[in-house]
Structures are given as structure tokens and as C-alpha cells.
Amino acid sequence: MYQRLCDVMDVSPGEMKQFDLNEREFLVANIAGQFYCLEGRCTHARAPLFEGELAGNVLAGPWHYTQFNIIDGPVLRGPTKRPLRIYRTMMKEGQIFVDI
């Protein structure tokens, strides 16, 4: 079931931003106009990922610098082994909807 998460204008290219929906945290990243939505907390120590660093499609967590590929979620460098959950998105009339 898709629910509205944000406007596409809320997340500029090369940036990421956290949104809360239904008591869950979602991170939206914009890579050259392509939007990716993933869980908002690191799978290792639950660090808020919006405080991390985004370089291309690689997100480094803010506390232990775990690196994730935000396109499909795998860990590129630990300490965690658990991938990030990636959510399907849909764009409609300038808004981003997430499948929760």
C-alpha cells in the first residue's frame, strides 16, 4: 500500500532527508533525480542515517561508518552484516509515495 511521504522538491539532487510516517523513520536520497527510500536507522547501532554522508550511491553511517549501497541495501563495509531495508517508491504529480 503506497502512502505519500514527501514532495520531490523536498530532497535536492545529491542530498538525503529523513521523513516520519506511521511512527517509522524513512530516509529519502536523491541521486541525479532518481529517488531511493530506505529505513532511517543503521542496522548496526540504530544511528540516524540522515546524519551520515552520501557519496554517489554509498551511504556511510554517522557513528561507525558502516557503508551501504542505497540502491539495493547491501553492506559494503561493516561492522554490520545486515543490509538496509529498501522501500519501493512511486512518483506522482511531484510527490513521492512509499510502499509500506
Protein backbone atom coordinates (compact mmCIF):
# COMPACT_ATOMS: atom_id res chain seq x y z
CA MET A 1 0.00 0.00 0.00
CA TYR A 2 1.55 3.29 -1.13
CA GLN A 3 1.35 6.34 1.10
CA ARG A 4 2.51 9.88 0.45
CA LEU A 5 5.88 10.57 2.05
CA CYS A 6 7.07 13.95 0.70
CA ASP A 7 7.37 16.26 -2.30
CA VAL A 8 10.18 15.65 -4.79
CA MET A 9 11.32 19.23 -4.17
CA ASP A 10 11.98 18.38 -0.51
CA VAL A 11 15.15 16.43 -1.41
CA SER A 12 17.65 18.13 -3.72
CA PRO A 13 19.97 16.12 -6.01
CA GLY A 14 22.88 14.62 -4.08
CA GLU A 15 21.10 15.03 -0.76
CA MET A 16 19.11 12.90 1.66
CA LYS A 17 16.46 13.74 4.18
CA GLN A 18 14.53 11.88 6.89
CA PHE A 19 10.74 11.73 7.00
CA ASP A 20 8.46 10.16 9.59
CA LEU A 21 5.35 8.25 8.57
CA ASN A 22 3.20 5.91 10.65
CA GLU A 23 5.68 6.03 13.54
CA ARG A 24 8.54 4.91 11.27
CA GLU A 25 11.60 6.77 10.05
CA PHE A 26 12.34 6.78 6.32
CA LEU A 27 15.38 8.19 4.57
CA VAL A 28 14.94 9.54 1.05
CA ALA A 29 18.02 10.08 -1.12
CA ASN A 30 18.09 11.85 -4.47
CA ILE A 31 20.80 10.65 -6.82
CA ALA A 32 20.67 12.67 -10.05
CA GLY A 33 16.88 12.86 -9.94
CA GLN A 34 16.36 9.20 -9.03
CA PHE A 35 14.81 8.79 -5.58
CA TYR A 36 15.59 5.96 -3.17
CA CYS A 37 13.76 5.29 0.07
CA LEU A 38 15.29 3.22 2.85
CA GLU A 39 14.94 2.64 6.54
CA GLY A 40 16.07 5.63 8.55
CA ARG A 41 18.27 3.86 11.11
CA CYS A 42 21.50 1.90 10.76
CA THR A 43 21.12 -1.86 11.11
CA HIS A 44 24.11 -1.99 13.48
CA ALA A 45 23.60 0.55 16.29
CA ARG A 46 20.39 2.28 15.14
CA ALA A 47 22.25 5.50 14.29
CA PRO A 48 20.10 8.09 12.47
CA LEU A 49 21.27 7.72 8.89
CA PHE A 50 20.32 11.25 7.87
CA GLU A 51 23.37 12.31 9.90
CA GLY A 52 25.62 10.14 7.70
CA GLU A 53 27.40 11.01 4.48
CA LEU A 54 26.18 10.29 0.97
CA ALA A 55 28.72 9.87 -1.85
CA GLY A 56 27.03 8.77 -5.04
CA ASN A 57 25.03 5.68 -4.12
CA VAL A 58 27.10 4.90 -0.99
CA LEU A 59 25.83 5.96 2.41
CA ALA A 60 28.24 5.94 5.35
CA GLY A 61 26.59 5.77 8.77
CA PRO A 62 27.40 8.56 11.24
CA TRP A 63 28.67 6.52 14.19
CA HIS A 64 30.68 3.53 12.97
CA TYR A 65 30.91 4.45 9.28
CA THR A 66 29.21 1.33 8.02
CA GLN A 67 28.77 1.75 4.29
CA PHE A 68 25.60 0.74 2.46
CA ASN A 69 24.63 0.74 -1.19
CA ILE A 70 21.36 2.68 -1.09
CA ILE A 71 20.10 1.33 -4.40
CA ASP A 72 19.51 -2.18 -3.11
CA GLY A 73 20.68 -2.09 0.53
CA PRO A 74 23.72 -4.36 0.92
CA VAL A 75 26.55 -3.64 3.34
CA LEU A 76 29.72 -2.60 1.53
CA ARG A 77 31.80 -2.25 4.68
CA GLY A 78 30.91 -3.34 8.26
CA PRO A 79 30.74 -3.66 11.23
CA THR A 80 27.17 -4.81 10.50
CA LYS A 81 26.28 -7.61 8.13
CA ARG A 82 22.54 -6.78 7.94
CA PRO A 83 21.52 -4.87 4.81
CA LEU A 84 19.25 -1.85 4.88
CA ARG A 85 15.61 -2.30 4.05
CA ILE A 86 14.78 -0.57 0.78
CA TYR A 87 11.23 0.55 0.06
CA ARG A 88 9.60 0.79 -3.34
CA THR A 89 8.64 4.30 -4.33
CA MET A 90 6.30 5.85 -6.85
CA MET A 91 6.30 9.43 -8.12
CA LYS A 92 3.01 11.12 -8.91
CA GLU A 93 2.33 14.80 -9.52
CA GLY A 94 5.58 15.90 -7.89
CA GLN A 95 5.14 13.75 -4.81
CA ILE A 96 6.92 10.65 -3.57
CA PHE A 97 4.87 7.74 -2.34
CA VAL A 98 6.38 4.82 -0.42
CA ASP A 99 5.10 1.24 -0.36
CA ILE A 100 4.74 0.33 3.30
